[in-house]
């Protein structure tokens, strides 16, 4: 896996968390409190700057009242059969 693909998944995951958080009308601070994380961690995560552990993904999914698979599928974290071609 290339470094660009790794960054892409972090950015896609961050956007998924942000979209779900906003659907629930939660602030970053509220989500952080419910997930047992720091607000700045949520901010950095939503910007795609962090690579969360599986334990953190589980905490976030629980705080967002959604299953991990639903978070990935419903918010387009996973990209199926995507091929990158250099121009």
Protein backbone atom coordinates (compact mmCIF):
# COMPACT_ATOMS: atom_id res chain seq x y z
CA UNK A 1 0.00 0.00 0.00
CA UNK A 2 1.41 3.38 -0.92
CA UNK A 3 1.66 6.30 1.45
CA UNK A 4 -1.00 8.18 -0.55
CA UNK A 5 -3.49 5.35 -0.05
CA UNK A 6 -2.79 5.39 3.69
CA UNK A 7 -3.47 9.13 3.83
CA UNK A 8 -6.60 8.67 1.77
CA UNK A 9 -8.13 6.18 4.21
CA UNK A 10 -7.34 8.44 7.18
CA UNK A 11 -8.98 11.37 5.42
CA UNK A 12 -12.01 9.30 4.43
CA UNK A 13 -12.39 7.99 7.97
CA UNK A 14 -12.12 11.50 9.40
CA UNK A 15 -14.81 12.77 7.04
CA UNK A 16 -17.06 9.83 7.98
CA UNK A 17 -16.70 10.62 11.69
CA UNK A 18 -17.43 14.32 11.03
CA UNK A 19 -20.53 13.54 8.94
CA UNK A 20 -21.95 11.15 11.54
CA UNK A 21 -21.13 13.56 14.40
CA UNK A 22 -22.93 16.39 12.61
CA UNK A 23 -25.95 14.16 11.88
CA UNK A 24 -26.23 13.60 15.62
CA UNK A 25 -25.76 17.34 16.24
CA UNK A 26 -22.77 16.73 18.51
CA UNK A 27 -19.89 19.10 19.02
CA UNK A 28 -16.35 17.76 18.86
CA UNK A 29 -16.18 18.26 22.60
CA UNK A 30 -19.36 16.23 23.19
CA UNK A 31 -18.12 13.39 20.98
CA UNK A 32 -14.75 13.43 22.71
CA UNK A 33 -16.39 13.21 26.12
CA UNK A 34 -18.68 10.35 25.08
CA UNK A 35 -15.78 8.44 23.48
CA UNK A 36 -13.34 9.10 26.33
CA UNK A 37 -10.99 11.05 24.06
CA UNK A 38 -9.63 14.61 23.98
CA UNK A 39 -11.33 17.23 21.81
CA UNK A 40 -8.11 18.01 19.95
CA UNK A 41 -7.82 14.30 19.10
CA UNK A 42 -11.27 14.46 17.46
CA UNK A 43 -10.28 17.59 15.54
CA UNK A 44 -7.06 16.02 14.27
CA UNK A 45 -8.85 12.78 13.42
CA UNK A 46 -11.54 14.58 11.41
CA UNK A 47 -8.82 16.35 9.42
CA UNK A 48 -7.28 12.99 8.53
CA UNK A 49 -4.11 13.63 10.50
CA UNK A 50 -4.34 10.56 12.74
CA UNK A 51 -4.37 6.82 12.24
CA UNK A 52 -6.71 5.60 15.01
CA UNK A 53 -6.29 2.22 16.65
CA UNK A 54 -8.99 -0.41 16.46
CA UNK A 55 -9.85 0.35 20.08
CA UNK A 56 -10.32 4.03 19.24
CA UNK A 57 -12.46 3.20 16.20
CA UNK A 58 -14.67 1.10 18.49
CA UNK A 59 -14.93 3.93 21.05
CA UNK A 60 -15.90 6.37 18.30
CA UNK A 61 -18.48 4.04 16.76
CA UNK A 62 -20.05 3.46 20.19
CA UNK A 63 -20.13 7.19 20.92
CA UNK A 64 -21.66 7.82 17.47
CA UNK A 65 -24.28 5.12 18.11
CA UNK A 66 -23.35 3.19 14.98
CA UNK A 67 -21.67 -0.14 14.25
CA UNK A 68 -18.15 -0.11 12.88
CA UNK A 69 -19.22 -1.74 9.58
CA UNK A 70 -22.08 0.76 9.16
CA UNK A 71 -19.70 3.67 9.79
CA UNK A 72 -17.36 2.40 7.07
CA UNK A 73 -20.07 1.43 4.57
CA UNK A 74 -22.64 4.18 5.06
CA UNK A 75 -20.09 7.00 5.09
CA UNK A 76 -17.90 5.80 2.19
CA UNK A 77 -14.75 5.04 4.16
CA UNK A 78 -14.00 1.98 2.10
CA UNK A 79 -13.44 2.33 -1.61
CA UNK A 80 -14.07 -0.85 -3.55
CA UNK A 81 -11.71 -1.79 -6.34
CA UNK A 82 -10.38 1.74 -6.74
CA UNK A 83 -7.36 1.94 -9.02
CA UNK A 84 -5.03 4.91 -9.10
CA UNK A 85 -3.40 5.73 -12.44
CA UNK A 86 -0.69 8.31 -12.88
CA UNK A 87 -1.33 10.78 -15.68
